PDB file of N, CA and C in Angstrom:
ATOM      1  N   UNK A   1     109.523 110.177-115.664  1.00  0.00           N
ATOM      2  CA  UNK A   1     110.343 109.083-115.188  1.00  0.00           C
ATOM      3  C   UNK A   1     111.602 109.661-114.561  1.00  0.00           C
ATOM      4  N   UNK A   2     111.923 109.190-113.371  1.00  0.00           N
ATOM      5  CA  UNK A   2     113.118 109.613-112.677  1.00  0.00           C
ATOM      6  C   UNK A   2     114.250 108.651-113.012  1.00  0.00           C
ATOM      7  N   UNK A   3     115.338 109.193-113.562  1.00  0.00           N
ATOM      8  CA  UNK A   3     116.456 108.365-113.998  1.00  0.00           C
ATOM      9  C   UNK A   3     117.720 108.706-113.227  1.00  0.00           C
ATOM     10  N   UNK A   4     118.564 107.712-113.091  1.00  0.00           N
ATOM     11  CA  UNK A   4     119.902 107.915-112.562  1.00  0.00           C
ATOM     12  C   UNK A   4     120.855 107.101-113.429  1.00  0.00           C
ATOM     13  N   UNK A   5     121.760 107.814-114.092  1.00  0.00           N
ATOM     14  CA  UNK A   5     122.726 107.152-114.955  1.00  0.00           C
ATOM     15  C   UNK A   5     124.115 107.478-114.425  1.00  0.00           C
ATOM     16  N   UNK A   6     124.824 106.447-113.997  1.00  0.00           N
ATOM     17  CA  UNK A   6     126.190 106.607-113.495  1.00  0.00           C
ATOM     18  C   UNK A   6     127.123 105.671-114.261  1.00  0.00           C
ATOM     19  N   UNK A   7     126.751 105.396-115.486  1.00  0.00           N
ATOM     20  CA  UNK A   7     127.512 104.488-116.342  1.00  0.00           C
ATOM     21  C   UNK A   7     128.909 105.036-116.613  1.00  0.00           C
ATOM     22  N   UNK A   8     129.902 104.165-116.530  1.00  0.00           N
ATOM     23  CA  UNK A   8     131.277 104.539-116.851  1.00  0.00           C
ATOM     24  C   UNK A   8     131.899 105.533-115.906  1.00  0.00           C
ATOM     25  N   UNK A   9     131.441 105.556-114.667  1.00  0.00           N
ATOM     26  CA  UNK A   9     131.937 106.533-113.700  1.00  0.00           C
ATOM     27  C   UNK A   9     133.025 105.995-112.779  1.00  0.00           C
ATOM     28  N   UNK A  10     133.488 104.781-113.026  1.00  0.00           N
ATOM     29  CA  UNK A  10     134.502 104.119-112.192  1.00  0.00           C
ATOM     30  C   UNK A  10     134.064 103.973-110.740  1.00  0.00           C
ATOM     31  N   UNK A  11     132.775 103.840-110.523  1.00  0.00           N
ATOM     32  CA  UNK A  11     132.246 103.650-109.177  1.00  0.00           C
ATOM     33  C   UNK A  11     132.621 102.250-108.709  1.00  0.00           C
ATOM     34  N   UNK A  12     133.090 102.160-107.457  1.00  0.00           N
ATOM     35  CA  UNK A  12     133.487 100.856-106.940  1.00  0.00           C
ATOM     36  C   UNK A  12     132.683 100.439-105.715  1.00  0.00           C
ATOM     37  N   UNK A  13     131.786 101.297-105.260  1.00  0.00           N
ATOM     38  CA  UNK A  13     130.932 100.923-104.132  1.00  0.00           C
ATOM     39  C   UNK A  13     129.506 101.349-104.411  1.00  0.00           C
ATOM     40  N   UNK A  14     128.585 100.606-103.826  1.00  0.00           N
ATOM     41  CA  UNK A  14     127.173 100.909-103.960  1.00  0.00           C
ATOM     42  C   UNK A  14     126.782 101.955-102.930  1.00  0.00           C
ATOM     43  N   UNK A  15     125.675 102.658-103.178  1.00  0.00           N
ATOM     44  CA  UNK A  15     125.219 103.637-102.187  1.00  0.00           C
ATOM     45  C   UNK A  15     124.878 102.978-100.857  1.00  0.00           C
ATOM     46  N   UNK A  16     124.963 103.758 -99.787  1.00  0.00           N
ATOM     47  CA  UNK A  16     124.588 103.264 -98.461  1.00  0.00           C
ATOM     48  C   UNK A  16     123.073 103.211 -98.360  1.00  0.00           C
ATOM     49  N   UNK A  17     122.570 102.628 -97.275  1.00  0.00           N
ATOM     50  CA  UNK A  17     121.131 102.557 -97.049  1.00  0.00           C
ATOM     51  C   UNK A  17     120.535 103.961 -97.026  1.00  0.00           C
ATOM     52  N   UNK A  18     121.200 104.886 -96.370  1.00  0.00           N
ATOM     53  CA  UNK A  18     120.706 106.270 -96.307  1.00  0.00           C
ATOM     54  C   UNK A  18     120.652 106.891 -97.701  1.00  0.00           C
ATOM     55  N   UNK A  19     121.666 106.633 -98.509  1.00  0.00           N
ATOM     56  CA  UNK A  19     121.678 107.167 -99.866  1.00  0.00           C
ATOM     57  C   UNK A  19     120.575 106.547-100.709  1.00  0.00           C
ATOM     58  N   UNK A  20     120.318 105.255-100.529  1.00  0.00           N
ATOM     59  CA  UNK A  20     119.237 104.602-101.265  1.00  0.00           C
ATOM     60  C   UNK A  20     117.891 105.209-100.904  1.00  0.00           C
ATOM     61  N   UNK A  21     117.711 105.571 -99.636  1.00  0.00           N
ATOM     62  CA  UNK A  21     116.421 106.134 -99.241  1.00  0.00           C
ATOM     63  C   UNK A  21     116.158 107.450 -99.958  1.00  0.00           C
ATOM     64  N   UNK A  22     117.200 108.169-100.332  1.00  0.00           N
ATOM     65  CA  UNK A  22     117.044 109.408-101.098  1.00  0.00           C
ATOM     66  C   UNK A  22     116.673 109.118-102.554  1.00  0.00           C
ATOM     67  N   UNK A  23     116.923 107.904-103.005  1.00  0.00           N
ATOM     68  CA  UNK A  23     116.696 107.520-104.402  1.00  0.00           C
ATOM     69  C   UNK A  23     115.394 106.743-104.605  1.00  0.00           C
ATOM     70  N   UNK A  24     114.523 106.695-103.602  1.00  0.00           N
ATOM     71  CA  UNK A  24     113.337 105.840-103.671  1.00  0.00           C
ATOM     72  C   UNK A  24     112.455 106.104-104.883  1.00  0.00           C
ATOM     73  N   UNK A  25     112.444 107.312-105.414  1.00  0.00           N
ATOM     74  CA  UNK A  25     111.563 107.613-106.539  1.00  0.00           C
ATOM     75  C   UNK A  25     112.170 107.244-107.890  1.00  0.00           C
ATOM     76  N   UNK A  26     113.393 106.735-107.891  1.00  0.00           N
ATOM     77  CA  UNK A  26     114.055 106.384-109.147  1.00  0.00           C
ATOM     78  C   UNK A  26     113.348 105.210-109.813  1.00  0.00           C
ATOM     79  N   UNK A  27     113.114 105.336-111.111  1.00  0.00           N
ATOM     80  CA  UNK A  27     112.490 104.266-111.884  1.00  0.00           C
ATOM     81  C   UNK A  27     113.510 103.548-112.765  1.00  0.00           C
ATOM     82  N   UNK A  28     114.578 104.240-113.146  1.00  0.00           N
ATOM     83  CA  UNK A  28     115.579 103.683-114.054  1.00  0.00           C
ATOM     84  C   UNK A  28     116.953 103.950-113.458  1.00  0.00           C
ATOM     85  N   UNK A  29     117.721 102.893-113.255  1.00  0.00           N
ATOM     86  CA  UNK A  29     119.068 103.029-112.711  1.00  0.00           C
ATOM     87  C   UNK A  29     120.049 102.304-113.613  1.00  0.00           C
ATOM     88  N   UNK A  30     121.024 103.037-114.120  1.00  0.00           N
ATOM     89  CA  UNK A  30     122.038 102.480-115.005  1.00  0.00           C
ATOM     90  C   UNK A  30     123.400 102.705-114.360  1.00  0.00           C
ATOM     91  N   UNK A  31     124.044 101.612-113.986  1.00  0.00           N
ATOM     92  CA  UNK A  31     125.379 101.670-113.388  1.00  0.00           C
ATOM     93  C   UNK A  31     126.327 100.765-114.179  1.00  0.00           C
ATOM     94  N   UNK A  32     126.143 100.745-115.506  1.00  0.00           N
ATOM     95  CA  UNK A  32     126.981  99.925-116.382  1.00  0.00           C
ATOM     96  C   UNK A  32     128.425 100.414-116.382  1.00  0.00           C
ATOM     97  N   UNK A  33     129.341  99.495-116.704  1.00  0.00           N
ATOM     98  CA  UNK A  33     130.752  99.804-116.918  1.00  0.00           C
ATOM     99  C   UNK A  33     131.385 100.545-115.738  1.00  0.00           C
ATOM    100  N   UNK A  34     131.208  99.981-114.567  1.00  0.00           N
ATOM    101  CA  UNK A  34     131.861 100.504-113.379  1.00  0.00           C
ATOM    102  C   UNK A  34     132.689  99.384-112.755  1.00  0.00           C
ATOM    103  N   UNK A  35     132.950  99.493-111.480  1.00  0.00           N
ATOM    104  CA  UNK A  35     133.739  98.473-110.785  1.00  0.00           C
ATOM    105  C   UNK A  35     132.987  97.940-109.575  1.00  0.00           C
ATOM    106  N   UNK A  36     131.675  97.888-109.692  1.00  0.00           N
ATOM    107  CA  UNK A  36     130.847  97.423-108.588  1.00  0.00           C
ATOM    108  C   UNK A  36     131.038  95.926-108.371  1.00  0.00           C
ATOM    109  N   UNK A  37     131.328  95.542-107.141  1.00  0.00           N
ATOM    110  CA  UNK A  37     131.545  94.141-106.816  1.00  0.00           C
ATOM    111  C   UNK A  37     130.283  93.487-106.251  1.00  0.00           C
ATOM    112  N   UNK A  38     129.294  94.298-105.885  1.00  0.00           N
ATOM    113  CA  UNK A  38     128.073  93.738-105.305  1.00  0.00           C
ATOM    114  C   UNK A  38     126.897  94.675-105.508  1.00  0.00           C
ATOM    115  N   UNK A  39     125.718  94.090-105.437  1.00  0.00           N
ATOM    116  CA  UNK A  39     124.475  94.848-105.386  1.00  0.00           C
ATOM    117  C   UNK A  39     123.989  94.672-103.949  1.00  0.00           C
ATOM    118  N   UNK A  40     123.950  95.734-103.166  1.00  0.00           N
ATOM    119  CA  UNK A  40     123.580  95.571-101.757  1.00  0.00           C
ATOM    120  C   UNK A  40     122.107  95.204-101.589  1.00  0.00           C
ATOM    121  N   UNK A  41     121.806  94.545-100.480  1.00  0.00           N
ATOM    122  CA  UNK A  41     120.425  94.186-100.168  1.00  0.00           C
ATOM    123  C   UNK A  41     119.529  95.423-100.133  1.00  0.00           C
ATOM    124  N   UNK A  42     120.096  96.575 -99.825  1.00  0.00           N
ATOM    125  CA  UNK A  42     119.308  97.800 -99.718  1.00  0.00           C
ATOM    126  C   UNK A  42     118.723  98.253-101.056  1.00  0.00           C
ATOM    127  N   UNK A  43     119.092  97.589-102.159  1.00  0.00           N
ATOM    128  CA  UNK A  43     118.489  97.894-103.462  1.00  0.00           C
ATOM    129  C   UNK A  43     116.974  97.713-103.375  1.00  0.00           C
ATOM    130  N   UNK A  44     116.530  96.854-102.473  1.00  0.00           N
ATOM    131  CA  UNK A  44     115.097  96.585-102.336  1.00  0.00           C
ATOM    132  C   UNK A  44     114.327  97.813-101.839  1.00  0.00           C
ATOM    133  N   UNK A  45     115.023  98.842-101.383  1.00  0.00           N
ATOM    134  CA  UNK A  45     114.360 100.088-100.971  1.00  0.00           C
ATOM    135  C   UNK A  45     113.886 100.895-102.176  1.00  0.00           C
ATOM    136  N   UNK A  46     114.382 100.574-103.364  1.00  0.00           N
ATOM    137  CA  UNK A  46     114.014 101.314-104.574  1.00  0.00           C
ATOM    138  C   UNK A  46     112.734 100.722-105.158  1.00  0.00           C
ATOM    139  N   UNK A  47     111.648 100.874-104.455  1.00  0.00           N
ATOM    140  CA  UNK A  47     110.402 100.195-104.782  1.00  0.00           C
ATOM    141  C   UNK A  47     109.764 100.655-106.095  1.00  0.00           C
ATOM    142  N   UNK A  48     110.138 101.802-106.610  1.00  0.00           N
ATOM    143  CA  UNK A  48     109.594 102.282-107.876  1.00  0.00           C
ATOM    144  C   UNK A  48     110.432 101.892-109.078  1.00  0.00           C
ATOM    145  N   UNK A  49     111.505 101.169-108.849  1.00  0.00           N
ATOM    146  CA  UNK A  49     112.439 100.812-109.917  1.00  0.00           C
ATOM    147  C   UNK A  49     111.770  99.909-110.954  1.00  0.00           C
ATOM    148  N   UNK A  50     111.826 100.331-112.234  1.00  0.00           N
ATOM    149  CA  UNK A  50     111.273  99.513-113.318  1.00  0.00           C
ATOM    150  C   UNK A  50     112.369  98.908-114.181  1.00  0.00           C
ATOM    151  N   UNK A  51     113.549  99.546-114.182  1.00  0.00           N
ATOM    152  CA  UNK A  51     114.660  99.027-114.989  1.00  0.00           C
ATOM    153  C   UNK A  51     115.974  99.222-114.233  1.00  0.00           C
ATOM    154  N   UNK A  52     116.746  98.147-114.157  1.00  0.00           N
ATOM    155  CA  UNK A  52     118.042  98.162-113.496  1.00  0.00           C
ATOM    156  C   UNK A  52     119.064  97.550-114.428  1.00  0.00           C
ATOM    157  N   UNK A  53     120.101  98.318-114.739  1.00  0.00           N
ATOM    158  CA  UNK A  53     121.165  97.814-115.604  1.00  0.00           C
ATOM    159  C   UNK A  53     122.501  98.001-114.899  1.00  0.00           C
ATOM    160  N   UNK A  54     123.168  96.887-114.649  1.00  0.00           N
ATOM    161  CA  UNK A  54     124.466  96.890-113.978  1.00  0.00           C
ATOM    162  C   UNK A  54     125.399  95.972-114.763  1.00  0.00           C
ATOM    163  N   UNK A  55     125.385  96.094-116.074  1.00  0.00           N
ATOM    164  CA  UNK A  55     126.220  95.215-116.888  1.00  0.00           C
ATOM    165  C   UNK A  55     127.672  95.694-116.878  1.00  0.00           C
ATOM    166  N   UNK A  56     128.567  94.755-117.158  1.00  0.00           N
ATOM    167  CA  UNK A  56     130.008  95.023-117.226  1.00  0.00           C
ATOM    168  C   UNK A  56     130.538  95.599-115.912  1.00  0.00           C
ATOM    169  N   UNK A  57     130.287  94.868-114.832  1.00  0.00           N
ATOM    170  CA  UNK A  57     130.834  95.190-113.522  1.00  0.00           C
ATOM    171  C   UNK A  57     131.501  93.941-112.968  1.00  0.00           C
ATOM    172  N   UNK A  58     131.642  93.855-111.671  1.00  0.00           N
ATOM    173  CA  UNK A  58     132.302  92.711-111.028  1.00  0.00           C
ATOM    174  C   UNK A  58     131.364  91.978-110.066  1.00  0.00           C
ATOM    175  N   UNK A  59     130.077  92.152-110.244  1.00  0.00           N
ATOM    176  CA  UNK A  59     129.067  91.575-109.358  1.00  0.00           C
ATOM    177  C   UNK A  59     129.103  90.056-109.450  1.00  0.00           C
ATOM    178  N   UNK A  60     129.148  89.383-108.277  1.00  0.00           N
ATOM    179  CA  UNK A  60     129.215  87.924-108.302  1.00  0.00           C
ATOM    180  C   UNK A  60     127.929  87.245-107.855  1.00  0.00           C
ATOM    181  N   UNK A  61     126.978  87.997-107.330  1.00  0.00           N
ATOM    182  CA  UNK A  61     125.692  87.422-106.969  1.00  0.00           C
ATOM    183  C   UNK A  61     124.630  88.501-106.876  1.00  0.00           C
ATOM    184  N   UNK A  62     123.390  88.070-107.071  1.00  0.00           N
ATOM    185  CA  UNK A  62     122.254  88.972-106.903  1.00  0.00           C
ATOM    186  C   UNK A  62     121.789  88.855-105.453  1.00  0.00           C
ATOM    187  N   UNK A  63     121.351  89.954-104.861  1.00  0.00           N
ATOM    188  CA  UNK A  63     120.919  89.875-103.464  1.00  0.00           C
ATOM    189  C   UNK A  63     119.599  89.133-103.304  1.00  0.00           C
ATOM    190  N   UNK A  64     119.417  88.520-102.150  1.00  0.00           N
ATOM    191  CA  UNK A  64     118.132  87.913-101.794  1.00  0.00           C
ATOM    192  C   UNK A  64     117.107  89.042-101.661  1.00  0.00           C
ATOM    193  N   UNK A  65     115.878  88.744-101.907  1.00  0.00           N
ATOM    194  CA  UNK A  65     114.808  89.702-101.650  1.00  0.00           C
ATOM    195  C   UNK A  65     114.481  90.650-102.787  1.00  0.00           C
ATOM    196  N   UNK A  66     115.106  90.481-103.947  1.00  0.00           N
ATOM    197  CA  UNK A  66     114.808  91.387-105.059  1.00  0.00           C
ATOM    198  C   UNK A  66     113.373  91.242-105.548  1.00  0.00           C
ATOM    199  N   UNK A  67     112.722  90.154-105.172  1.00  0.00           N
ATOM    200  CA  UNK A  67     111.334  89.939-105.593  1.00  0.00           C
ATOM    201  C   UNK A  67     110.398  91.024-105.063  1.00  0.00           C
ATOM    202  N   UNK A  68     110.811  91.775-104.043  1.00  0.00           N
ATOM    203  CA  UNK A  68     109.965  92.855-103.530  1.00  0.00           C
ATOM    204  C   UNK A  68     109.923  94.047-104.484  1.00  0.00           C
ATOM    205  N   UNK A  69     110.802  94.044-105.481  1.00  0.00           N
ATOM    206  CA  UNK A  69     110.792  95.108-106.492  1.00  0.00           C
ATOM    207  C   UNK A  69     109.725  94.755-107.530  1.00  0.00           C
ATOM    208  N   UNK A  70     108.477  94.906-107.147  1.00  0.00           N
ATOM    209  CA  UNK A  70     107.357  94.448-107.966  1.00  0.00           C
ATOM    210  C   UNK A  70     107.150  95.277-109.232  1.00  0.00           C
ATOM    211  N   UNK A  71     107.783  96.432-109.329  1.00  0.00           N
ATOM    212  CA  UNK A  71     107.687  97.256-110.539  1.00  0.00           C
ATOM    213  C   UNK A  71     108.794  96.935-111.535  1.00  0.00           C
ATOM    214  N   UNK A  72     109.806  96.176-111.114  1.00  0.00           N
ATOM    215  CA  UNK A  72     110.966  95.885-111.960  1.00  0.00           C
ATOM    216  C   UNK A  72     110.555  95.034-113.162  1.00  0.00           C
ATOM    217  N   UNK A  73     110.787  95.576-114.351  1.00  0.00           N
ATOM    218  CA  UNK A  73     110.433  94.872-115.590  1.00  0.00           C
ATOM    219  C   UNK A  73     111.658  94.399-116.358  1.00  0.00           C
ATOM    220  N   UNK A  74     112.769  95.133-116.222  1.00  0.00           N
ATOM    221  CA  UNK A  74     113.998  94.790-116.952  1.00  0.00           C
ATOM    222  C   UNK A  74     115.171  94.754-115.970  1.00  0.00           C
ATOM    223  N   UNK A  75     115.919  93.664-116.056  1.00  0.00           N
ATOM    224  CA  UNK A  75     117.116  93.506-115.229  1.00  0.00           C
ATOM    225  C   UNK A  75     118.252  93.056-116.135  1.00  0.00           C
ATOM    226  N   UNK A  76     119.278  93.892-116.229  1.00  0.00           N
ATOM    227  CA  UNK A  76     120.427  93.583-117.064  1.00  0.00           C
ATOM    228  C   UNK A  76     121.665  93.502-116.172  1.00  0.00           C
ATOM    229  N   UNK A  77     122.148  92.285-115.978  1.00  0.00           N
ATOM    230  CA  UNK A  77     123.368  92.057-115.203  1.00  0.00           C
ATOM    231  C   UNK A  77     124.377  91.286-116.055  1.00  0.00           C
ATOM    232  N   UNK A  78     124.345  91.545-117.355  1.00  0.00           N
ATOM    233  CA  UNK A  78     125.242  90.869-118.291  1.00  0.00           C
ATOM    234  C   UNK A  78     126.699  91.222-117.991  1.00  0.00           C
ATOM    235  N   UNK A  79     127.569  90.284-118.290  1.00  0.00           N
ATOM    236  CA  UNK A  79     129.018  90.461-118.189  1.00  0.00           C
ATOM    237  C   UNK A  79     129.466  90.895-116.795  1.00  0.00           C
ATOM    238  N   UNK A  80     129.066  90.090-115.838  1.00  0.00           N
ATOM    239  CA  UNK A  80     129.537  90.208-114.471  1.00  0.00           C
ATOM    240  C   UNK A  80     130.199  88.883-114.115  1.00  0.00           C
ATOM    241  N   UNK A  81     130.185  88.510-112.863  1.00  0.00           N
ATOM    242  CA  UNK A  81     130.800  87.262-112.418  1.00  0.00           C
ATOM    243  C   UNK A  81     129.778  86.382-111.689  1.00  0.00           C
ATOM    244  N   UNK A  82     128.535  86.511-112.071  1.00  0.00           N
ATOM    245  CA  UNK A  82     127.451  85.793-111.400  1.00  0.00           C
ATOM    246  C   UNK A  82     127.501  84.312-111.771  1.00  0.00           C
ATOM    247  N   UNK A  83     127.467  83.462-110.747  1.00  0.00           N
ATOM    248  CA  UNK A  83     127.500  82.020-110.980  1.00  0.00           C
ATOM    249  C   UNK A  83     126.206  81.337-110.540  1.00  0.00           C
ATOM    250  N   UNK A  84     125.398  82.017-109.721  1.00  0.00           N
ATOM    251  CA  UNK A  84     124.153  81.409-109.267  1.00  0.00           C
ATOM    252  C   UNK A  84     123.113  82.495-109.000  1.00  0.00           C
ATOM    253  N   UNK A  85     121.873  82.070-109.015  1.00  0.00           N
ATOM    254  CA  UNK A  85     120.754  82.964-108.718  1.00  0.00           C
ATOM    255  C   UNK A  85     120.274  82.682-107.303  1.00  0.00           C
ATOM    256  N   UNK A  86     119.790  83.708-106.596  1.00  0.00           N
ATOM    257  CA  UNK A  86     119.274  83.458-105.246  1.00  0.00           C
ATOM    258  C   UNK A  86     118.042  82.557-105.301  1.00  0.00           C
ATOM    259  N   UNK A  87     117.811  81.808-104.250  1.00  0.00           N
ATOM    260  CA  UNK A  87     116.697  80.862-104.222  1.00  0.00           C
ATOM    261  C   UNK A  87     115.345  81.531-104.423  1.00  0.00           C
ATOM    262  N   UNK A  88     115.199  82.793-103.994  1.00  0.00           N
ATOM    263  CA  UNK A  88     113.906  83.463-104.136  1.00  0.00           C
ATOM    264  C   UNK A  88     113.747  84.180-105.481  1.00  0.00           C
ATOM    265  N   UNK A  89     114.710  84.033-106.365  1.00  0.00           N
ATOM    266  CA  UNK A  89     114.674  84.741-107.650  1.00  0.00           C
ATOM    267  C   UNK A  89     113.456  84.367-108.498  1.00  0.00           C
ATOM    268  N   UNK A  90     113.035  83.132-108.424  1.00  0.00           N
ATOM    269  CA  UNK A  90     111.885  82.682-109.199  1.00  0.00           C
ATOM    270  C   UNK A  90     110.597  83.418-108.866  1.00  0.00           C
ATOM    271  N   UNK A  91     110.549  84.070-107.701  1.00  0.00           N
ATOM    272  CA  UNK A  91     109.360  84.829-107.322  1.00  0.00           C
ATOM    273  C   UNK A  91     109.157  86.056-108.210  1.00  0.00           C
ATOM    274  N   UNK A  92     110.166  86.410-109.013  1.00  0.00           N
ATOM    275  CA  UNK A  92     110.059  87.569-109.902  1.00  0.00           C
ATOM    276  C   UNK A  92     109.424  87.210-111.238  1.00  0.00           C
ATOM    277  N   UNK A  93     109.078  85.958-111.428  1.00  0.00           N
ATOM    278  CA  UNK A  93     108.620  85.490-112.740  1.00  0.00           C
ATOM    279  C   UNK A  93     107.345  86.157-113.226  1.00  0.00           C
ATOM    280  N   UNK A  94     106.526  86.674-112.325  1.00  0.00           N
ATOM    281  CA  UNK A  94     105.270  87.283-112.768  1.00  0.00           C
ATOM    282  C   UNK A  94     105.427  88.749-113.152  1.00  0.00           C
ATOM    283  N   UNK A  95     106.502  89.388-112.737  1.00  0.00           N
ATOM    284  CA  UNK A  95     106.669  90.810-113.037  1.00  0.00           C
ATOM    285  C   UNK A  95     107.819  91.093-113.998  1.00  0.00           C
ATOM    286  N   UNK A  96     108.905  90.352-113.890  1.00  0.00           N
ATOM    287  CA  UNK A  96     110.082  90.597-114.718  1.00  0.00           C
ATOM    288  C   UNK A  96     109.811  90.193-116.160  1.00  0.00           C
ATOM    289  N   UNK A  97     110.061  91.113-117.095  1.00  0.00           N
ATOM    290  CA  UNK A  97     109.804  90.845-118.509  1.00  0.00           C
ATOM    291  C   UNK A  97     111.084  90.554-119.289  1.00  0.00           C
ATOM    292  N   UNK A  98     112.195  91.133-118.846  1.00  0.00           N
ATOM    293  CA  UNK A  98     113.453  90.916-119.556  1.00  0.00           C
ATOM    294  C   UNK A  98     114.574  90.730-118.549  1.00  0.00           C
ATOM    295  N   UNK A  99     115.319  89.665-118.745  1.00  0.00           N
ATOM    296  CA  UNK A  99     116.450  89.330-117.878  1.00  0.00           C
ATOM    297  C   UNK A  99     117.635  89.035-118.772  1.00  0.00           C
ATOM    298  N   UNK A 100     118.728  89.761-118.573  1.00  0.00           N
ATOM    299  CA  UNK A 100     119.935  89.528-119.370  1.00  0.00           C
ATOM    300  C   UNK A 100     121.055  89.079-118.440  1.00  0.00           C
ATOM    301  N   UNK A 101     121.445  87.816-118.595  1.00  0.00           N
ATOM    302  CA  UNK A 101     122.538  87.221-117.820  1.00  0.00           C
ATOM    303  C   UNK A 101     123.732  86.867-118.700  1.00  0.00           C
ATOM    304  N   UNK A 102     123.728  87.331-119.945  1.00  0.00           N
ATOM    305  CA  UNK A 102     124.783  86.986-120.899  1.00  0.00           C
ATOM    306  C   UNK A 102     126.167  87.322-120.337  1.00  0.00           C
ATOM    307  N   UNK A 103     127.117  86.462-120.628  1.00  0.00           N
ATOM    308  CA  UNK A 103     128.492  86.705-120.212  1.00  0.00           C
ATOM    309  C   UNK A 103     128.796  86.329-118.777  1.00  0.00           C
ATOM    310  N   UNK A 104     127.826  85.763-118.069  1.00  0.00           N
ATOM    311  CA  UNK A 104     128.054  85.252-116.722  1.00  0.00           C
ATOM    312  C   UNK A 104     128.223  83.745-116.819  1.00  0.00           C
ATOM    313  N   UNK A 105     128.838  83.161-115.837  1.00  0.00           N
ATOM    314  CA  UNK A 105     129.016  81.705-115.846  1.00  0.00           C
ATOM    315  C   UNK A 105     128.053  81.077-114.852  1.00  0.00           C
ATOM    316  N   UNK A 106     126.775  81.162-115.186  1.00  0.00           N
ATOM    317  CA  UNK A 106     125.728  80.626-114.314  1.00  0.00           C
ATOM    318  C   UNK A 106     125.841  79.106-114.267  1.00  0.00           C
ATOM    319  N   UNK A 107     125.957  78.603-113.053  1.00  0.00           N
ATOM    320  CA  UNK A 107     125.917  77.162-112.837  1.00  0.00           C
ATOM    321  C   UNK A 107     124.448  76.790-112.851  1.00  0.00           C
ATOM    322  N   UNK A 108     124.124  75.652-113.395  1.00  0.00           N
ATOM    323  CA  UNK A 108     122.717  75.267-113.469  1.00  0.00           C
ATOM    324  C   UNK A 108     122.026  75.561-112.149  1.00  0.00           C
ATOM    325  N   UNK A 109     120.927  76.328-112.215  1.00  0.00           N
ATOM    326  CA  UNK A 109     120.246  76.682-110.966  1.00  0.00           C
ATOM    327  C   UNK A 109     119.501  75.484-110.400  1.00  0.00           C
ATOM    328  N   UNK A 110     119.203  75.544-109.118  1.00  0.00           N
ATOM    329  CA  UNK A 110     118.396  74.479-108.530  1.00  0.00           C
ATOM    330  C   UNK A 110     117.062  74.370-109.280  1.00  0.00           C
ATOM    331  N   UNK A 111     116.480  73.194-109.290  1.00  0.00           N
ATOM    332  CA  UNK A 111     115.234  72.944-110.013  1.00  0.00           C
ATOM    333  C   UNK A 111     114.148  73.930-109.629  1.00  0.00           C
ATOM    334  N   UNK A 112     114.036  74.263-108.334  1.00  0.00           N
ATOM    335  CA  UNK A 112     112.966  75.169-107.909  1.00  0.00           C
ATOM    336  C   UNK A 112     113.092  76.547-108.552  1.00  0.00           C
ATOM    337  N   UNK A 113     114.301  76.948-108.933  1.00  0.00           N
ATOM    338  CA  UNK A 113     114.476  78.223-109.626  1.00  0.00           C
ATOM    339  C   UNK A 113     114.247  78.046-111.113  1.00  0.00           C
ATOM    340  N   UNK A 114     114.863  77.065-111.727  1.00  0.00           N
ATOM    341  CA  UNK A 114     114.760  76.916-113.179  1.00  0.00           C
ATOM    342  C   UNK A 114     113.325  76.690-113.617  1.00  0.00           C
ATOM    343  N   UNK A 115     112.541  75.988-112.836  1.00  0.00           N
ATOM    344  CA  UNK A 115     111.133  75.781-113.173  1.00  0.00           C
ATOM    345  C   UNK A 115     110.363  77.093-113.137  1.00  0.00           C
ATOM    346  N   UNK A 116     110.750  78.005-112.257  1.00  0.00           N
ATOM    347  CA  UNK A 116     110.065  79.277-112.131  1.00  0.00           C
ATOM    348  C   UNK A 116     110.554  80.291-113.152  1.00  0.00           C
ATOM    349  N   UNK A 117     111.874  80.382-113.346  1.00  0.00           N
ATOM    350  CA  UNK A 117     112.448  81.409-114.217  1.00  0.00           C
ATOM    351  C   UNK A 117     112.076  81.186-115.680  1.00  0.00           C
ATOM    352  N   UNK A 118     111.928  79.940-116.106  1.00  0.00           N
ATOM    353  CA  UNK A 118     111.634  79.721-117.520  1.00  0.00           C
ATOM    354  C   UNK A 118     110.258  80.257-117.922  1.00  0.00           C
ATOM    355  N   UNK A 119     109.467  80.667-116.940  1.00  0.00           N
ATOM    356  CA  UNK A 119     108.172  81.249-117.275  1.00  0.00           C
ATOM    357  C   UNK A 119     108.249  82.758-117.499  1.00  0.00           C
ATOM    358  N   UNK A 120     109.419  83.358-117.353  1.00  0.00           N
ATOM    359  CA  UNK A 120     109.565  84.790-117.633  1.00  0.00           C
ATOM    360  C   UNK A 120     109.343  84.987-119.128  1.00  0.00           C
ATOM    361  N   UNK A 121     108.407  85.842-119.428  1.00  0.00           N
ATOM    362  CA  UNK A 121     108.013  86.060-120.812  1.00  0.00           C
ATOM    363  C   UNK A 121     108.914  87.080-121.493  1.00  0.00           C
ATOM    364  N   UNK A 122     109.205  86.897-122.789  1.00  0.00           N
ATOM    365  CA  UNK A 122     109.970  87.899-123.510  1.00  0.00           C
ATOM    366  C   UNK A 122     109.160  89.177-123.643  1.00  0.00           C
ATOM    367  N   UNK A 123     109.873  90.266-123.700  1.00  0.00           N
ATOM    368  CA  UNK A 123     109.226  91.564-123.832  1.00  0.00           C
ATOM    369  C   UNK A 123     108.615  91.717-125.220  1.00  0.00           C
ATOM    370  N   UNK A 124     107.397  92.265-125.299  1.00  0.00           N
ATOM    371  CA  UNK A 124     106.766  92.421-126.629  1.00  0.00           C
ATOM    372  C   UNK A 124     107.483  93.448-127.491  1.00  0.00           C
TER     373      UNK A 124
END
């Protein structure tokens, strides 16, 4: 398993598209306890990603298109500033096993998302 752990590194910006292309083989990415304000759309280039943890940052929204990360099983975005989920987020319901949104102030999602997300199964 290829891992990248940059937890507690005071990082305030996400990698560029070129930098993400170098990370395509990463399966586990931990960027907890930094100062990241966003998750760039280019995260979708990490097609082998199975676990993404970006808790305790300043992220206010998840990017559209994360559903293309078909290997992603765990997503931890706890304790950020997220207030809503992207409309296509429900498309992850068949692959995502664990989702942690604790500590965010999620406004009730649109019905089309809540009907889909509630089918995400807890991890065994």
